[in-house]
N, C-alpha and C. Protein backbone atom coordinates (compact mmCIF):
# COMPACT_ATOMS: atom_id res chain seq x y z
N MET A 1 248.65 114.12 -78.30
CA MET A 1 248.67 115.00 -77.15
C MET A 1 250.00 115.76 -77.17
N ALA A 2 249.98 116.99 -76.83
CA ALA A 2 251.20 117.81 -76.85
C ALA A 2 251.74 118.03 -75.44
N ASP A 3 253.06 118.26 -75.35
CA ASP A 3 253.65 118.57 -74.05
C ASP A 3 253.42 120.04 -73.73
N LYS A 4 253.95 120.51 -72.60
CA LYS A 4 253.69 121.89 -72.17
C LYS A 4 254.32 122.92 -73.08
N TYR A 5 255.21 122.48 -73.98
CA TYR A 5 255.84 123.39 -74.93
C TYR A 5 255.18 123.34 -76.30
N GLY A 6 254.12 122.53 -76.43
CA GLY A 6 253.41 122.44 -77.69
C GLY A 6 253.95 121.39 -78.64
N ASN A 7 254.94 120.58 -78.21
CA ASN A 7 255.48 119.52 -79.06
C ASN A 7 254.48 118.37 -79.12
N PRO A 8 254.12 117.90 -80.31
CA PRO A 8 253.11 116.86 -80.41
C PRO A 8 253.63 115.49 -79.95
N ASP A 9 252.71 114.63 -79.55
CA ASP A 9 252.97 113.23 -79.24
C ASP A 9 254.01 112.99 -78.16
N ALA A 10 254.11 113.85 -77.19
CA ALA A 10 255.09 113.68 -76.13
C ALA A 10 254.56 112.84 -74.98
N ASN A 11 253.23 112.59 -74.96
CA ASN A 11 252.62 111.85 -73.86
C ASN A 11 253.04 112.44 -72.51
N PRO A 12 252.76 113.75 -72.30
CA PRO A 12 253.28 114.43 -71.11
C PRO A 12 252.61 113.98 -69.81
N ASP A 13 253.40 114.00 -68.74
CA ASP A 13 252.88 113.75 -67.41
C ASP A 13 251.94 114.90 -67.06
N PRO A 14 250.73 114.61 -66.57
CA PRO A 14 249.78 115.68 -66.30
C PRO A 14 250.21 116.65 -65.21
N LEU A 15 251.11 116.24 -64.32
CA LEU A 15 251.54 117.12 -63.24
C LEU A 15 252.82 117.88 -63.56
N THR A 16 253.80 117.18 -64.12
CA THR A 16 255.10 117.80 -64.35
C THR A 16 255.31 118.27 -65.78
N GLY A 17 254.55 117.73 -66.73
CA GLY A 17 254.72 118.09 -68.13
C GLY A 17 255.85 117.34 -68.81
N THR A 18 256.57 116.48 -68.09
CA THR A 18 257.67 115.74 -68.70
C THR A 18 257.11 114.64 -69.60
N PRO A 19 257.81 114.33 -70.68
CA PRO A 19 257.31 113.30 -71.60
C PRO A 19 257.36 111.91 -70.99
N GLY A 20 256.51 111.03 -71.50
CA GLY A 20 256.55 109.63 -71.11
C GLY A 20 255.67 109.24 -69.96
N ALA A 21 254.53 109.91 -69.78
CA ALA A 21 253.63 109.57 -68.67
C ALA A 21 252.89 108.28 -68.96
N HIS A 22 252.68 107.49 -67.94
CA HIS A 22 251.91 106.26 -68.04
C HIS A 22 251.04 106.12 -66.79
N PRO A 23 250.05 107.00 -66.62
CA PRO A 23 249.27 106.98 -65.38
C PRO A 23 248.52 105.69 -65.13
N VAL A 24 248.01 105.05 -66.17
CA VAL A 24 247.28 103.80 -65.97
C VAL A 24 248.24 102.71 -65.54
N GLY A 25 249.39 102.62 -66.22
CA GLY A 25 250.38 101.61 -65.86
C GLY A 25 250.88 101.78 -64.44
N VAL A 26 251.17 103.02 -64.06
CA VAL A 26 251.65 103.29 -62.71
C VAL A 26 250.57 102.95 -61.69
N GLY A 27 249.35 103.39 -61.94
CA GLY A 27 248.26 103.15 -61.00
C GLY A 27 247.94 101.68 -60.83
N THR A 28 247.87 100.95 -61.94
CA THR A 28 247.59 99.52 -61.87
C THR A 28 248.71 98.79 -61.16
N GLY A 29 249.96 99.14 -61.48
CA GLY A 29 251.10 98.52 -60.81
C GLY A 29 251.11 98.81 -59.32
N ALA A 30 250.77 100.04 -58.95
CA ALA A 30 250.76 100.41 -57.54
C ALA A 30 249.70 99.64 -56.77
N ILE A 31 248.53 99.45 -57.36
CA ILE A 31 247.46 98.70 -56.69
C ILE A 31 247.91 97.26 -56.45
N GLY A 32 248.43 96.63 -57.50
CA GLY A 32 248.89 95.24 -57.36
C GLY A 32 250.05 95.13 -56.38
N GLY A 33 250.99 96.06 -56.45
CA GLY A 33 252.14 96.04 -55.55
C GLY A 33 251.74 96.24 -54.10
N ALA A 34 250.79 97.14 -53.87
CA ALA A 34 250.33 97.39 -52.50
C ALA A 34 249.66 96.16 -51.92
N ALA A 35 248.84 95.50 -52.73
CA ALA A 35 248.16 94.29 -52.24
C ALA A 35 249.17 93.19 -51.92
N ALA A 36 250.11 92.97 -52.82
CA ALA A 36 251.12 91.93 -52.59
C ALA A 36 251.99 92.27 -51.39
N GLY A 37 252.43 93.52 -51.29
CA GLY A 37 253.27 93.93 -50.17
C GLY A 37 252.56 93.82 -48.84
N ALA A 38 251.29 94.19 -48.82
CA ALA A 38 250.52 94.09 -47.58
C ALA A 38 250.35 92.63 -47.16
N GLY A 39 250.11 91.76 -48.13
CA GLY A 39 249.96 90.34 -47.81
C GLY A 39 251.23 89.74 -47.25
N ILE A 40 252.33 90.02 -47.89
CA ILE A 40 253.62 89.50 -47.41
C ILE A 40 253.97 90.12 -46.06
N GLY A 41 253.77 91.44 -45.95
CA GLY A 41 254.10 92.13 -44.71
C GLY A 41 253.30 91.64 -43.52
N SER A 42 252.03 91.29 -43.74
CA SER A 42 251.20 90.83 -42.62
C SER A 42 251.67 89.47 -42.12
N VAL A 43 252.17 88.64 -43.01
CA VAL A 43 252.67 87.33 -42.61
C VAL A 43 253.93 87.49 -41.78
N VAL A 44 254.80 88.38 -42.20
CA VAL A 44 256.10 88.56 -41.55
C VAL A 44 255.98 89.41 -40.29
N GLY A 45 255.21 90.52 -40.37
CA GLY A 45 255.22 91.47 -39.25
C GLY A 45 253.88 91.88 -38.72
N GLY A 46 252.84 91.13 -38.98
CA GLY A 46 251.52 91.46 -38.47
C GLY A 46 250.99 92.75 -39.08
N PRO A 47 250.13 93.48 -38.35
CA PRO A 47 249.52 94.69 -38.89
C PRO A 47 250.53 95.76 -39.30
N VAL A 48 251.57 95.95 -38.51
CA VAL A 48 252.59 96.94 -38.86
C VAL A 48 253.32 96.50 -40.12
N GLY A 49 253.61 95.23 -40.22
CA GLY A 49 254.26 94.69 -41.41
C GLY A 49 253.39 94.87 -42.65
N ALA A 50 252.08 94.70 -42.49
CA ALA A 50 251.15 94.89 -43.61
C ALA A 50 251.18 96.33 -44.09
N LEU A 51 251.22 97.26 -43.15
CA LEU A 51 251.25 98.68 -43.50
C LEU A 51 252.54 99.03 -44.24
N VAL A 52 253.66 98.60 -43.69
CA VAL A 52 254.96 98.88 -44.32
C VAL A 52 255.04 98.16 -45.66
N GLY A 53 254.66 96.89 -45.68
CA GLY A 53 254.71 96.11 -46.92
C GLY A 53 253.82 96.70 -48.00
N GLY A 54 252.65 97.17 -47.61
CA GLY A 54 251.74 97.80 -48.58
C GLY A 54 252.33 99.06 -49.16
N SER A 55 252.96 99.87 -48.33
CA SER A 55 253.58 101.12 -48.81
C SER A 55 254.74 100.84 -49.76
N VAL A 56 255.62 99.94 -49.36
CA VAL A 56 256.77 99.60 -50.20
C VAL A 56 256.28 98.94 -51.49
N GLY A 57 255.30 98.07 -51.37
CA GLY A 57 254.75 97.39 -52.55
C GLY A 57 254.11 98.37 -53.52
N ALA A 58 253.43 99.39 -53.01
CA ALA A 58 252.80 100.38 -53.89
C ALA A 58 253.84 101.13 -54.70
N VAL A 59 254.92 101.53 -54.06
CA VAL A 59 255.99 102.26 -54.77
C VAL A 59 256.64 101.35 -55.80
N ALA A 60 257.02 100.15 -55.38
CA ALA A 60 257.68 99.22 -56.31
C ALA A 60 256.74 98.84 -57.45
N GLY A 61 255.48 98.60 -57.12
CA GLY A 61 254.50 98.25 -58.15
C GLY A 61 254.26 99.39 -59.13
N GLY A 62 254.22 100.61 -58.62
CA GLY A 62 254.06 101.77 -59.50
C GLY A 62 255.21 101.91 -60.46
N LEU A 63 256.42 101.73 -59.97
CA LEU A 63 257.60 101.80 -60.85
C LEU A 63 257.60 100.67 -61.87
N ALA A 64 257.24 99.48 -61.41
CA ALA A 64 257.17 98.34 -62.34
C ALA A 64 256.06 98.56 -63.36
N GLY A 65 254.95 99.12 -62.93
CA GLY A 65 253.85 99.40 -63.85
C GLY A 65 254.24 100.41 -64.92
N LYS A 66 254.99 101.43 -64.53
CA LYS A 66 255.46 102.42 -65.51
C LYS A 66 256.38 101.76 -66.52
N GLU A 67 257.30 100.93 -66.02
CA GLU A 67 258.23 100.24 -66.92
C GLU A 67 257.48 99.31 -67.86
N ALA A 68 256.51 98.59 -67.33
CA ALA A 68 255.75 97.66 -68.15
C ALA A 68 254.93 98.41 -69.20
N ALA A 69 254.35 99.54 -68.80
CA ALA A 69 253.55 100.32 -69.74
C ALA A 69 254.40 100.87 -70.87
N GLU A 70 255.67 101.12 -70.61
CA GLU A 70 256.55 101.63 -71.64
C GLU A 70 256.93 100.57 -72.67
N ALA A 71 256.54 99.31 -72.42
CA ALA A 71 256.82 98.25 -73.38
C ALA A 71 256.05 98.49 -74.68
N SER A 72 254.95 99.22 -74.62
CA SER A 72 254.24 99.61 -75.83
C SER A 72 254.46 101.10 -76.04
N ASN A 73 254.57 101.49 -77.28
CA ASN A 73 254.83 102.89 -77.61
C ASN A 73 253.49 103.62 -77.70
N PRO A 74 253.20 104.52 -76.75
CA PRO A 74 251.90 105.17 -76.75
C PRO A 74 251.63 106.01 -78.00
N THR A 75 252.65 106.59 -78.57
CA THR A 75 252.46 107.39 -79.79
C THR A 75 252.05 106.50 -80.95
N VAL A 76 252.71 105.36 -81.09
CA VAL A 76 252.39 104.41 -82.16
C VAL A 76 251.00 103.83 -81.96
N GLU A 77 250.70 103.42 -80.72
CA GLU A 77 249.39 102.83 -80.44
C GLU A 77 248.27 103.84 -80.69
N ASP A 78 248.46 105.07 -80.22
CA ASP A 78 247.43 106.09 -80.41
C ASP A 78 247.19 106.35 -81.90
N ALA A 79 248.26 106.43 -82.68
CA ALA A 79 248.13 106.67 -84.12
C ALA A 79 247.41 105.49 -84.79
N TYR A 80 247.75 104.28 -84.40
CA TYR A 80 247.10 103.11 -84.98
C TYR A 80 245.60 103.13 -84.72
N TRP A 81 245.22 103.33 -83.46
CA TRP A 81 243.79 103.27 -83.13
C TRP A 81 243.03 104.46 -83.70
N ARG A 82 243.67 105.61 -83.76
CA ARG A 82 243.02 106.78 -84.37
C ARG A 82 242.67 106.47 -85.83
N ALA A 83 243.58 105.80 -86.53
CA ALA A 83 243.38 105.49 -87.95
C ALA A 83 242.43 104.32 -88.17
N ASN A 84 242.27 103.44 -87.19
CA ASN A 84 241.53 102.20 -87.41
C ASN A 84 240.27 102.02 -86.59
N PHE A 85 239.98 102.91 -85.65
CA PHE A 85 238.87 102.65 -84.74
C PHE A 85 237.53 102.55 -85.44
N LYS A 86 237.31 103.29 -86.51
CA LYS A 86 236.01 103.30 -87.19
C LYS A 86 235.65 101.95 -87.80
N SER A 87 236.65 101.10 -88.03
CA SER A 87 236.39 99.79 -88.63
C SER A 87 235.96 98.75 -87.61
N ARG A 88 235.99 99.10 -86.34
CA ARG A 88 235.68 98.14 -85.29
C ARG A 88 234.16 98.00 -85.11
N PRO A 89 233.65 96.78 -84.93
CA PRO A 89 232.20 96.56 -84.88
C PRO A 89 231.49 97.18 -83.68
N TYR A 90 232.20 97.49 -82.61
CA TYR A 90 231.57 98.05 -81.42
C TYR A 90 231.48 99.57 -81.44
N VAL A 91 232.09 100.21 -82.41
CA VAL A 91 232.11 101.67 -82.47
C VAL A 91 230.78 102.19 -83.02
N VAL A 92 230.19 103.12 -82.30
CA VAL A 92 228.96 103.77 -82.74
C VAL A 92 229.36 104.78 -83.83
N VAL A 93 228.67 104.74 -84.95
CA VAL A 93 229.04 105.52 -86.14
C VAL A 93 229.28 107.00 -85.85
N VAL A 94 228.48 107.60 -84.98
CA VAL A 94 228.61 109.04 -84.73
C VAL A 94 229.71 109.38 -83.72
N ASP A 95 230.30 108.37 -83.08
CA ASP A 95 231.33 108.62 -82.07
C ASP A 95 232.66 109.01 -82.71
N THR A 96 233.36 109.89 -82.04
CA THR A 96 234.70 110.27 -82.48
C THR A 96 235.73 109.38 -81.78
N TYR A 97 236.95 109.45 -82.24
CA TYR A 97 238.03 108.68 -81.63
C TYR A 97 238.18 109.02 -80.15
N GLU A 98 237.99 110.28 -79.82
CA GLU A 98 238.19 110.73 -78.44
C GLU A 98 237.27 110.00 -77.45
N VAL A 99 236.14 109.48 -77.91
CA VAL A 99 235.26 108.72 -77.03
C VAL A 99 235.93 107.42 -76.58
N TYR A 100 236.61 106.76 -77.51
CA TYR A 100 237.21 105.45 -77.23
C TYR A 100 238.68 105.51 -76.83
N GLN A 101 239.33 106.63 -77.05
CA GLN A 101 240.77 106.74 -76.80
C GLN A 101 241.17 106.33 -75.38
N PRO A 102 240.45 106.73 -74.34
CA PRO A 102 240.85 106.30 -72.99
C PRO A 102 240.80 104.77 -72.82
N ALA A 103 239.84 104.13 -73.46
CA ALA A 103 239.73 102.66 -73.36
C ALA A 103 240.87 101.99 -74.11
N TYR A 104 241.22 102.51 -75.29
CA TYR A 104 242.36 101.94 -76.01
C TYR A 104 243.64 102.11 -75.18
N ARG A 105 243.85 103.30 -74.65
CA ARG A 105 245.04 103.55 -73.84
C ARG A 105 245.07 102.60 -72.64
N TYR A 106 243.94 102.41 -72.02
CA TYR A 106 243.85 101.52 -70.87
C TYR A 106 244.26 100.10 -71.26
N GLY A 107 243.80 99.66 -72.41
CA GLY A 107 244.15 98.31 -72.87
C GLY A 107 245.63 98.15 -73.16
N TRP A 108 246.21 99.10 -73.90
CA TRP A 108 247.62 98.93 -74.25
C TRP A 108 248.53 99.14 -73.05
N GLU A 109 248.13 99.97 -72.10
CA GLU A 109 248.97 100.16 -70.92
C GLU A 109 248.78 99.05 -69.89
N SER A 110 247.60 98.48 -69.82
CA SER A 110 247.31 97.47 -68.81
C SER A 110 247.89 96.10 -69.14
N TYR A 111 248.00 95.77 -70.42
CA TYR A 111 248.45 94.43 -70.78
C TYR A 111 249.74 94.04 -70.06
N ALA A 112 250.71 94.90 -70.07
CA ALA A 112 252.01 94.57 -69.49
C ALA A 112 251.92 94.33 -67.99
N ASN A 113 250.97 94.94 -67.33
CA ASN A 113 250.81 94.74 -65.88
C ASN A 113 250.20 93.39 -65.54
N TYR A 114 249.60 92.75 -66.52
CA TYR A 114 248.93 91.47 -66.29
C TYR A 114 249.53 90.35 -67.14
N ARG A 115 250.76 90.54 -67.61
CA ARG A 115 251.39 89.50 -68.43
C ARG A 115 251.35 88.18 -67.70
N GLY A 116 251.04 87.15 -68.45
CA GLY A 116 250.89 85.84 -67.86
C GLY A 116 249.45 85.51 -67.54
N ARG A 117 248.56 86.49 -67.68
CA ARG A 117 247.14 86.28 -67.44
C ARG A 117 246.38 86.59 -68.72
N THR A 118 245.27 85.91 -68.92
CA THR A 118 244.41 86.22 -70.06
C THR A 118 243.60 87.48 -69.75
N PHE A 119 243.01 88.06 -70.78
CA PHE A 119 242.15 89.22 -70.58
C PHE A 119 241.00 88.84 -69.63
N GLU A 120 240.43 87.65 -69.84
CA GLU A 120 239.31 87.21 -69.01
C GLU A 120 239.72 87.08 -67.54
N GLU A 121 240.92 86.60 -67.29
CA GLU A 121 241.40 86.48 -65.91
C GLU A 121 241.60 87.85 -65.27
N ALA A 122 242.06 88.81 -66.05
CA ALA A 122 242.33 90.15 -65.54
C ALA A 122 241.10 91.04 -65.54
N GLU A 123 240.07 90.67 -66.28
CA GLU A 123 238.93 91.56 -66.48
C GLU A 123 238.25 92.06 -65.20
N PRO A 124 238.02 91.25 -64.19
CA PRO A 124 237.36 91.80 -62.99
C PRO A 124 238.14 92.99 -62.41
N GLU A 125 239.46 92.88 -62.33
CA GLU A 125 240.25 93.98 -61.80
C GLU A 125 240.31 95.15 -62.79
N LEU A 126 240.42 94.84 -64.07
CA LEU A 126 240.41 95.90 -65.09
C LEU A 126 239.13 96.72 -64.99
N ARG A 127 238.01 96.02 -64.87
CA ARG A 127 236.72 96.70 -64.77
C ARG A 127 236.66 97.57 -63.51
N ARG A 128 237.08 97.00 -62.39
CA ARG A 128 237.03 97.74 -61.13
C ARG A 128 237.84 99.03 -61.22
N VAL A 129 239.04 98.94 -61.78
CA VAL A 129 239.88 100.13 -61.91
C VAL A 129 239.26 101.11 -62.91
N TRP A 130 238.77 100.60 -64.05
CA TRP A 130 238.16 101.47 -65.07
C TRP A 130 237.02 102.29 -64.46
N GLU A 131 236.21 101.65 -63.66
CA GLU A 131 235.04 102.32 -63.10
C GLU A 131 235.39 103.40 -62.09
N THR A 132 236.66 103.52 -61.71
CA THR A 132 237.10 104.60 -60.82
C THR A 132 237.71 105.77 -61.60
N THR A 133 237.82 105.63 -62.92
CA THR A 133 238.45 106.68 -63.73
C THR A 133 237.41 107.69 -64.21
N PRO A 134 237.84 108.90 -64.50
CA PRO A 134 236.92 109.90 -65.05
C PRO A 134 236.31 109.47 -66.39
N ALA A 135 237.04 108.67 -67.17
CA ALA A 135 236.53 108.23 -68.48
C ALA A 135 235.27 107.39 -68.34
N ALA A 136 235.11 106.72 -67.20
CA ALA A 136 233.94 105.86 -67.00
C ALA A 136 232.64 106.64 -66.95
N THR A 137 232.71 107.94 -66.71
CA THR A 137 231.48 108.73 -66.69
C THR A 137 230.90 108.92 -68.09
N THR A 138 231.75 108.83 -69.12
CA THR A 138 231.26 108.97 -70.50
C THR A 138 231.28 107.67 -71.27
N LEU A 139 232.03 106.67 -70.79
CA LEU A 139 232.13 105.39 -71.48
C LEU A 139 232.07 104.29 -70.42
N SER A 140 230.92 103.65 -70.29
CA SER A 140 230.76 102.58 -69.30
C SER A 140 231.69 101.43 -69.64
N TRP A 141 231.95 100.56 -68.66
CA TRP A 141 232.80 99.40 -68.92
C TRP A 141 232.20 98.55 -70.04
N GLU A 142 230.89 98.42 -70.09
CA GLU A 142 230.26 97.63 -71.14
C GLU A 142 230.64 98.14 -72.52
N ARG A 143 230.77 99.45 -72.67
CA ARG A 143 231.18 100.03 -73.96
C ARG A 143 232.70 100.08 -74.11
N ALA A 144 233.41 100.25 -73.01
CA ALA A 144 234.88 100.36 -73.06
C ALA A 144 235.55 99.00 -73.20
N ARG A 145 234.89 97.95 -72.78
CA ARG A 145 235.49 96.62 -72.73
C ARG A 145 236.07 96.19 -74.08
N SER A 146 235.31 96.32 -75.13
CA SER A 146 235.77 95.85 -76.44
C SER A 146 236.99 96.62 -76.93
N ALA A 147 236.98 97.93 -76.74
CA ALA A 147 238.14 98.74 -77.15
C ALA A 147 239.35 98.40 -76.29
N THR A 148 239.13 98.20 -75.00
CA THR A 148 240.23 97.82 -74.11
C THR A 148 240.82 96.48 -74.53
N ARG A 149 239.95 95.54 -74.82
CA ARG A 149 240.43 94.22 -75.24
C ARG A 149 241.13 94.30 -76.59
N ASP A 150 240.62 95.07 -77.51
CA ASP A 150 241.28 95.24 -78.81
C ASP A 150 242.73 95.72 -78.64
N ALA A 151 242.91 96.75 -77.83
CA ALA A 151 244.25 97.29 -77.61
C ALA A 151 245.11 96.28 -76.87
N TRP A 152 244.55 95.59 -75.90
CA TRP A 152 245.24 94.53 -75.15
C TRP A 152 245.76 93.48 -76.15
N ASN A 153 244.86 93.01 -77.04
CA ASN A 153 245.24 91.97 -78.00
C ASN A 153 246.32 92.45 -78.96
N ARG A 154 246.26 93.69 -79.37
CA ARG A 154 247.28 94.21 -80.29
C ARG A 154 248.65 94.21 -79.62
N VAL A 155 248.72 94.62 -78.36
CA VAL A 155 250.00 94.61 -77.64
C VAL A 155 250.44 93.17 -77.39
N GLU A 156 249.50 92.31 -77.04
CA GLU A 156 249.82 90.92 -76.77
C GLU A 156 250.47 90.27 -78.00
N ARG A 157 249.99 90.59 -79.19
CA ARG A 157 250.58 90.03 -80.42
C ARG A 157 252.04 90.45 -80.59
N GLY A 158 252.44 91.56 -79.97
CA GLY A 158 253.81 92.03 -80.08
C GLY A 158 254.78 91.34 -79.13
N PHE A 159 254.26 90.53 -78.20
CA PHE A 159 255.12 89.82 -77.26
C PHE A 159 255.35 88.41 -77.78
N PRO A 160 256.47 87.78 -77.40
CA PRO A 160 256.82 86.47 -77.94
C PRO A 160 255.78 85.38 -77.70
N ALA A 161 255.09 85.41 -76.57
CA ALA A 161 254.12 84.35 -76.27
C ALA A 161 252.72 84.93 -76.18
N ASP A 162 251.78 84.27 -76.85
CA ASP A 162 250.38 84.64 -76.79
C ASP A 162 249.78 83.80 -75.67
N ILE A 163 249.66 84.38 -74.47
CA ILE A 163 249.36 83.63 -73.26
C ILE A 163 248.03 82.88 -73.33
N ASP A 164 247.03 83.43 -73.99
CA ASP A 164 245.74 82.74 -74.01
C ASP A 164 245.51 81.96 -75.30
N TRP A 165 246.55 81.85 -76.13
CA TRP A 165 246.52 81.06 -77.36
C TRP A 165 245.30 81.35 -78.23
N ASP A 166 244.88 82.63 -78.25
CA ASP A 166 243.71 82.98 -79.04
C ASP A 166 244.08 83.55 -80.41
N GLY A 167 245.37 83.50 -80.74
CA GLY A 167 245.82 84.00 -82.03
C GLY A 167 246.02 85.49 -82.04
N PHE A 168 245.78 86.11 -80.91
CA PHE A 168 245.94 87.57 -80.81
C PHE A 168 246.99 87.88 -79.79
């Protein structure tokens, strides 16, 4: 993907054009942060506390999600999957990389937001979020799941601990 100046592989933010966008990481982090903040806020301050806690949690979670998503290099991951996707058993022979690219991106960006959890533990939330994305209109979760998990496992192998001890 090119930035607004035509430079390749900049991973530009869709709104500002600045390099280094991680919309999935930010969105997933914001959702988790809002839920946690609302829960804590409601205990401390009732309904008003839940509202304030949810807002603060969404911002903090979004920032944490962006930082976590940056743990994997999107340019490297995209190049890897572009070169290797055809060898995967779930890929339909006539499909291009662009069909699966959103699912791979989702997997490599989401892993860091769920560190400490297995793919299976995170899957219900991953699916729910995926089904709200524009990519879900062309690639159902049933088809996106394997590509998402593949990218998740590849990033997981790059971290010191393999949380689900599956060798990936």
